[in-house]
Amino acid sequence: RERLVEAIQALKPGDDVPTHSPSWRTYYILRYRYVEQSAQRTVANNMGLSERQLRRQERDAEEALADYLWRRYDLQAKAEAMLSRAA
């Protein structure tokens, strides 16, 4: 959980990024859903989105988080090492 929260925090845009930007929206979705553990309906209402729209954007936010974690922990190299050991 700690690593996940750290990763979400790392995706927080800088103060110079407009608050209505996609990067802030990604951050807020991840924060509300995984740090504050808010329900989708609550997050959608708070962000002025339909639940369907939130689900689409949540999927994009999760992909951004997965990409960050993949790069941060160099999982490509670790996956390749595991595959080469298994062969």
Protein backbone atom coordinates (compact mmCIF):
# COMPACT_ATOMS: atom_id res chain seq x y z
CA ARG A 1 0.00 0.00 0.00
CA GLU A 2 2.82 2.38 0.88
CA ARG A 3 4.42 1.90 -2.56
CA LEU A 4 1.11 2.52 -4.27
CA VAL A 5 0.51 5.73 -2.34
CA GLU A 6 4.07 6.88 -3.13
CA ALA A 7 3.53 6.16 -6.81
CA ILE A 8 0.27 8.10 -6.87
CA GLN A 9 1.99 11.00 -5.11
CA ALA A 10 4.77 10.89 -7.71
CA LEU A 11 2.14 11.41 -10.42
CA LYS A 12 0.93 14.62 -8.76
CA PRO A 13 1.45 17.47 -11.24
CA GLY A 14 3.43 20.53 -10.30
CA ASP A 15 1.84 23.73 -9.08
CA ASP A 16 2.46 25.28 -12.49
CA VAL A 17 0.08 22.82 -14.18
CA PRO A 18 -3.51 24.11 -14.51
CA THR A 19 -5.86 22.31 -12.13
CA HIS A 20 -8.27 21.39 -14.94
CA SER A 21 -5.56 19.56 -16.92
CA PRO A 22 -5.75 15.81 -17.68
CA SER A 23 -2.73 15.14 -15.44
CA TRP A 24 -4.52 16.62 -12.42
CA ARG A 25 -7.65 14.64 -13.26
CA THR A 26 -5.57 11.44 -13.38
CA TYR A 27 -4.00 12.27 -10.03
CA TYR A 28 -7.33 13.09 -8.37
CA ILE A 29 -8.98 9.90 -9.64
CA LEU A 30 -6.15 7.73 -8.34
CA ARG A 31 -5.99 9.58 -5.05
CA TYR A 32 -9.73 9.44 -4.39
CA ARG A 33 -10.07 5.80 -5.42
CA TYR A 34 -6.92 4.22 -3.98
CA VAL A 35 -5.71 6.48 -1.19
CA GLU A 36 -9.02 7.74 0.19
CA GLN A 37 -10.83 4.58 -1.00
CA SER A 38 -13.89 6.50 -2.18
CA ALA A 39 -16.61 4.74 -4.16
CA GLN A 40 -16.86 5.38 -7.89
CA ARG A 41 -20.22 7.09 -7.47
CA THR A 42 -18.77 9.48 -4.88
CA VAL A 43 -15.73 10.30 -7.02
CA ALA A 44 -17.88 10.81 -10.11
CA ASN A 45 -20.19 13.17 -8.22
CA ASN A 46 -17.29 15.11 -6.69
CA MET A 47 -15.61 15.51 -10.07
CA GLY A 48 -18.77 16.33 -12.00
CA LEU A 49 -18.54 13.19 -14.14
CA SER A 50 -20.96 10.43 -14.97
CA GLU A 51 -20.02 7.06 -13.51
CA ARG A 52 -19.44 5.76 -17.02
CA GLN A 53 -17.10 8.63 -17.84
CA LEU A 54 -15.27 8.10 -14.55
CA ARG A 55 -14.77 4.41 -15.34
CA ARG A 56 -13.17 5.29 -18.68
CA GLN A 57 -10.92 7.90 -17.09
CA GLU A 58 -10.15 5.62 -14.17
CA ARG A 59 -8.91 2.96 -16.62
CA ASP A 60 -6.62 5.57 -18.23
CA ALA A 61 -5.40 6.66 -14.80
CA GLU A 62 -4.65 3.06 -13.84
CA GLU A 63 -2.66 2.65 -17.06
CA ALA A 64 -0.65 5.78 -16.21
CA LEU A 65 0.01 4.38 -12.73
CA ALA A 66 1.02 0.97 -14.11
CA ASP A 67 3.36 2.65 -16.60
CA TYR A 68 4.96 4.67 -13.81
CA LEU A 69 5.45 1.56 -11.65
CA TRP A 70 6.80 -0.43 -14.62
CA ARG A 71 9.45 2.23 -15.27
CA ARG A 72 10.15 3.05 -11.62
CA TYR A 73 10.92 -0.53 -10.64
CA ASP A 74 12.47 -1.50 -14.01
CA LEU A 75 10.04 -4.37 -14.36
CA GLN A 76 10.94 -4.96 -18.01
CA ALA A 77 14.45 -6.06 -17.05
CA LYS A 78 13.13 -8.15 -14.17
CA ALA A 79 10.59 -9.87 -16.41
CA GLU A 80 13.25 -10.61 -19.00
CA ALA A 81 15.57 -12.01 -16.32
CA MET A 82 12.82 -14.29 -15.03
CA LEU A 83 12.06 -15.52 -18.54
CA SER A 84 15.69 -16.24 -19.28
CA ARG A 85 16.02 -18.22 -16.03
CA ALA A 86 12.91 -20.24 -16.87
CA ALA A 87 14.21 -21.19 -20.32
